[in-house]
Amino acid sequence: MEQKKILLVEDEEHLLKTIRLNLELEGYVVTTAVTGFEALKEFRKGNFDLIILDVMLPEMNGFDVCEEIRKENTKEPLLFLTAKGSGSDRIQGLKLGADDYLTKPFNLEELLLRVEILIRRSNPKADTTDIVVYSFGDNEINFITYQITDARGNKINISKKEIALLKLLITRKDEVVSREEILDAVWGTDVFPSSRTIDNYILSFRKYFEKNQREPQHFHSVRGVGYKFTD
């Protein structure tokens, strides 16, 4: 199944990282921009399945960016994500061609649901029944059924949190992902597990997927920084 591409425009760094990670966990390919001019530059580089656009941006506000985008493309769905929640702002955004409007602060699950709905509406013939499977070495992960095939050929059902962490690490393959990023993306801001919790998950992954747990080839701990997956 072809991955859907999203342009995410947000100048608040922490929020940008959190939204990006959660979108990537859902399987989207995310391009980011932090200013209005940068947003237009990225938009003109390629086709996107959805644009998520903040209103309060440096250099050029989101309403003006939306207006420019709609002059060039009327098909790509656009979701305003902003602290400007007055009725007049919503009406202005929708008049300019936005498809939806979400006010900060917001629930991440609601954002992801709105993203899914907007993309599905713009791709009515898209096949959503495909099973997303990732293979590496002798291992296989099914992100739909939450079932893995380990290095010894055993089929094991794992938890939703384990699947989420696996998807995050695989999406960021060959990158070191910090503990803070993992906690934000997998557990969110309402739950505060210790970093030892993540260590235990990584130990479980080594039991599942590594032929030699003492010399891991795929799941690595980087002391004082975070964790890394290599294929």
Protein backbone atom coordinates (compact mmCIF):
# COMPACT_ATOMS: atom_id res chain seq x y z
CA MET A 1 0.00 0.00 0.00
CA GLU A 2 1.40 3.39 -1.00
CA GLN A 3 2.27 5.63 1.91
CA LYS A 4 0.36 8.90 2.07
CA LYS A 5 2.34 12.14 2.18
CA ILE A 6 1.57 15.01 4.56
CA LEU A 7 2.94 18.55 4.65
CA LEU A 8 3.00 19.70 8.29
CA VAL A 9 3.48 23.44 8.87
CA GLU A 10 4.00 24.42 12.53
CA ASP A 11 6.52 26.83 14.08
CA GLU A 12 6.33 25.50 17.65
CA GLU A 13 9.23 23.02 17.74
CA HIS A 14 7.96 20.64 20.43
CA LEU A 15 4.49 20.42 18.91
CA LEU A 16 5.96 19.95 15.43
CA LYS A 17 8.05 16.99 16.63
CA THR A 18 5.16 15.43 18.55
CA ILE A 19 2.71 15.64 15.65
CA ARG A 20 5.30 14.44 13.16
CA LEU A 21 6.19 11.39 15.24
CA ASN A 22 2.56 10.43 15.73
CA LEU A 23 1.81 10.80 12.02
CA GLU A 24 4.86 8.68 11.18
CA LEU A 25 3.68 6.05 13.66
CA GLU A 26 0.49 5.87 11.61
CA GLY A 27 2.54 5.21 8.49
CA TYR A 28 2.46 8.66 6.87
CA VAL A 29 5.46 10.27 5.16
CA VAL A 30 5.79 13.72 6.72
CA THR A 31 7.48 16.83 5.32
CA THR A 32 7.75 19.76 7.73
CA ALA A 33 8.00 23.54 7.43
CA VAL A 34 8.21 26.23 10.12
CA THR A 35 7.45 29.43 8.17
CA GLY A 36 4.87 30.46 5.61
CA PHE A 37 7.43 30.93 2.83
CA GLU A 38 9.01 27.54 3.59
CA ALA A 39 5.55 25.95 3.47
CA LEU A 40 4.92 27.28 -0.03
CA LYS A 41 8.38 26.15 -1.15
CA GLU A 42 7.77 22.58 0.09
CA PHE A 43 4.23 22.56 -1.33
CA ARG A 44 5.54 23.43 -4.79
CA LYS A 45 8.14 20.65 -4.70
CA GLY A 46 5.67 17.79 -4.81
CA ASN A 47 2.20 16.37 -4.36
CA PHE A 48 0.75 15.84 -0.89
CA ASP A 49 -2.27 13.90 0.30
CA LEU A 50 -2.92 16.40 3.11
CA ILE A 51 -1.63 19.76 4.36
CA ILE A 52 -1.75 20.56 8.10
CA LEU A 53 -1.30 24.31 8.47
CA ASP A 54 -0.87 26.54 11.51
CA VAL A 55 -2.26 30.08 11.23
CA MET A 56 0.24 32.02 13.37
CA LEU A 57 3.42 31.59 11.33
CA PRO A 58 6.55 33.75 10.88
CA GLU A 59 6.98 35.72 7.66
CA MET A 60 3.57 34.83 6.19
CA ASN A 61 0.48 33.73 8.10
CA GLY A 62 -1.39 30.51 7.44
CA PHE A 63 -4.43 32.24 5.90
CA ASP A 64 -2.20 33.81 3.24
CA VAL A 65 -0.43 30.48 2.67
CA CYS A 66 -3.79 28.76 2.23
CA GLU A 67 -4.91 31.40 -0.24
CA GLU A 68 -1.76 30.92 -2.34
CA ILE A 69 -2.10 27.13 -2.24
CA ARG A 70 -5.71 27.27 -3.39
CA LYS A 71 -4.73 29.47 -6.33
CA GLU A 72 -2.48 26.64 -7.53
CA ASN A 73 -4.28 23.54 -6.26
CA THR A 74 -7.88 23.06 -5.20
CA LYS A 75 -7.79 19.32 -4.58
CA GLU A 76 -5.32 18.66 -1.77
CA PRO A 77 -7.20 18.61 1.57
CA LEU A 78 -6.08 21.21 4.08
CA LEU A 79 -6.52 21.19 7.85
CA PHE A 80 -5.95 24.34 9.89
CA LEU A 81 -4.35 23.65 13.28
CA THR A 82 -4.25 26.81 15.37
CA ALA A 83 -4.77 28.64 18.63
CA LYS A 84 -7.07 31.11 16.82
CA GLY A 85 -10.41 29.57 17.64
CA SER A 86 -12.91 32.40 17.23
CA GLY A 87 -15.88 31.94 14.94
CA SER A 88 -14.67 34.63 12.54
CA ASP A 89 -11.28 32.91 12.19
CA ARG A 90 -12.93 29.56 11.47
CA ILE A 91 -15.18 31.14 8.84
CA GLN A 92 -12.23 32.92 7.23
CA GLY A 93 -10.23 29.70 7.07
CA LEU A 94 -13.09 27.74 5.52
CA LYS A 95 -13.85 30.53 3.04
CA LEU A 96 -10.21 30.42 1.89
CA GLY A 97 -10.60 26.74 1.07
CA ALA A 98 -9.67 24.81 4.22
CA ASP A 99 -11.40 21.45 4.63
CA ASP A 100 -11.25 21.29 8.42
CA TYR A 101 -10.21 23.36 11.44
CA LEU A 102 -8.84 22.12 14.78
CA THR A 103 -8.15 24.46 17.69
CA LYS A 104 -5.23 24.13 20.11
CA PRO A 105 -4.96 22.54 22.60
CA PHE A 106 -6.27 19.38 20.98
CA ASN A 107 -6.41 15.63 21.50
CA LEU A 108 -3.86 13.76 19.36
CA GLU A 109 -6.30 10.93 18.69
CA GLU A 110 -8.82 13.43 17.35
CA LEU A 111 -6.18 14.96 15.08
CA LEU A 112 -5.19 11.53 13.73
CA LEU A 113 -8.83 10.65 13.14
CA ARG A 114 -9.46 13.89 11.24
CA VAL A 115 -6.32 13.25 9.17
CA GLU A 116 -7.50 9.76 8.30
CA ILE A 117 -10.97 10.97 7.34
CA LEU A 118 -9.69 13.82 5.14
CA ILE A 119 -7.25 11.56 3.30
CA ARG A 120 -9.88 8.84 2.85
CA ARG A 121 -12.36 11.35 1.45
CA SER A 122 -9.82 12.60 -1.08
CA ASN A 123 -8.89 9.03 -2.07
CA PRO A 124 -12.26 7.27 -2.21
CA LYS A 125 -10.90 4.31 -4.15
CA ALA A 126 -7.96 3.74 -1.84
CA ASP A 127 -7.73 0.18 -0.51
CA THR A 128 -7.64 0.32 3.27
CA THR A 129 -7.69 -3.47 3.71
CA ASP A 130 -4.01 -4.03 2.84
CA ILE A 131 -1.98 -5.59 5.64
CA VAL A 132 1.14 -3.61 6.47
CA VAL A 133 4.01 -6.01 7.08
CA TYR A 134 7.67 -5.22 7.74
CA SER A 135 10.38 -7.87 7.38
CA PHE A 136 14.03 -7.80 8.39
CA GLY A 137 16.42 -10.74 8.66
CA ASP A 138 14.32 -13.77 9.57
CA ASN A 139 11.80 -11.59 11.40
CA GLU A 140 8.41 -10.21 10.41
CA ILE A 141 6.07 -7.67 12.03
CA ASN A 142 2.40 -7.30 11.16
CA PHE A 143 1.28 -3.85 12.28
CA ILE A 144 -2.39 -4.62 11.73
CA THR A 145 -2.75 -7.90 13.65
CA TYR A 146 -0.06 -7.05 16.26
CA GLN A 147 1.61 -10.39 15.49
CA ILE A 148 5.31 -10.98 14.97
CA THR A 149 7.33 -13.87 13.62
CA ASP A 150 10.53 -14.00 15.65
CA ALA A 151 14.06 -15.05 14.69
CA ARG A 152 13.22 -18.69 15.52
CA GLY A 153 10.04 -18.77 13.44
CA ASN A 154 7.61 -18.47 16.37
CA LYS A 155 4.44 -16.41 15.92
CA ILE A 156 3.79 -14.17 18.93
CA ASN A 157 1.04 -11.65 19.67
CA ILE A 158 2.41 -8.46 21.22
CA SER A 159 0.87 -5.38 22.81
CA LYS A 160 -0.28 -2.14 21.18
CA LYS A 161 2.49 -0.22 22.97
CA GLU A 162 5.11 -2.67 21.66
CA ILE A 163 3.75 -2.24 18.12
CA ALA A 164 3.80 1.55 18.48
CA LEU A 165 7.41 1.56 19.70
CA LEU A 166 8.49 -0.84 16.94
CA LYS A 167 6.83 1.35 14.32
CA LEU A 168 8.51 4.47 15.69
CA LEU A 169 11.98 2.93 15.70
CA ILE A 170 11.53 1.39 12.24
CA THR A 171 10.17 4.66 10.82
CA ARG A 172 13.31 6.37 12.14
CA LYS A 173 15.59 3.52 10.99
CA ASP A 174 19.32 4.19 11.53
CA GLU A 175 18.51 7.29 13.64
CA VAL A 176 18.95 7.57 17.39
CA VAL A 177 15.53 8.30 18.89
CA SER A 178 15.66 9.97 22.30
CA ARG A 179 13.78 8.71 25.35
CA GLU A 180 11.82 11.97 25.42
CA GLU A 181 10.64 11.50 21.82
CA ILE A 182 9.61 7.92 22.55
CA LEU A 183 7.69 8.90 25.67
CA ASP A 184 5.88 11.70 23.80
CA ALA A 185 5.03 9.58 20.76
CA VAL A 186 4.14 6.25 22.37
CA TRP A 187 2.84 7.18 25.82
CA GLY A 188 1.73 10.77 25.31
CA THR A 189 1.64 13.53 27.89
CA ASP A 190 -0.92 11.96 30.23
CA VAL A 191 1.24 9.00 31.30
CA PHE A 192 4.74 9.22 32.72
CA PRO A 193 6.53 5.85 32.57
CA SER A 194 10.19 5.71 33.57
CA SER A 195 13.01 5.31 31.07
CA ARG A 196 13.43 1.83 32.57
CA THR A 197 10.08 0.95 30.98
CA ILE A 198 11.57 1.62 27.54
CA ASP A 199 14.67 -0.42 28.47
CA ASN A 200 12.40 -3.37 29.27
CA TYR A 201 10.67 -3.05 25.88
CA ILE A 202 14.04 -3.02 24.10
CA LEU A 203 15.10 -6.14 26.06
CA SER A 204 11.87 -7.83 24.92
CA PHE A 205 12.57 -6.89 21.29
CA ARG A 206 16.03 -8.44 21.57
CA LYS A 207 14.49 -11.66 22.91
CA TYR A 208 12.07 -11.70 19.99
CA PHE A 209 14.29 -10.65 17.12
CA GLU A 210 17.98 -11.04 17.92
CA LYS A 211 19.86 -14.29 17.33
CA ASN A 212 22.37 -13.22 19.99
CA GLN A 213 20.90 -10.88 22.61
CA ARG A 214 24.36 -9.96 23.94
CA GLU A 215 25.45 -8.76 20.50
CA PRO A 216 22.29 -7.16 19.05
CA GLN A 217 22.21 -6.46 15.34
CA HIS A 218 18.91 -4.57 15.20
CA PHE A 219 17.93 -2.95 18.52
CA HIS A 220 20.63 -0.78 20.06
CA SER A 221 20.82 1.34 23.21
CA VAL A 222 22.89 4.51 22.89
CA ARG A 223 24.01 5.40 26.40
CA GLY A 224 22.66 8.72 27.64
CA VAL A 225 20.83 9.43 24.38
CA GLY A 226 18.21 6.89 23.32
CA TYR A 227 17.66 3.90 21.06
CA LYS A 228 18.28 2.95 17.44
CA PHE A 229 16.95 0.32 15.04
CA THR A 230 19.10 -0.95 12.17
CA ASP A 231 17.84 -3.27 9.47
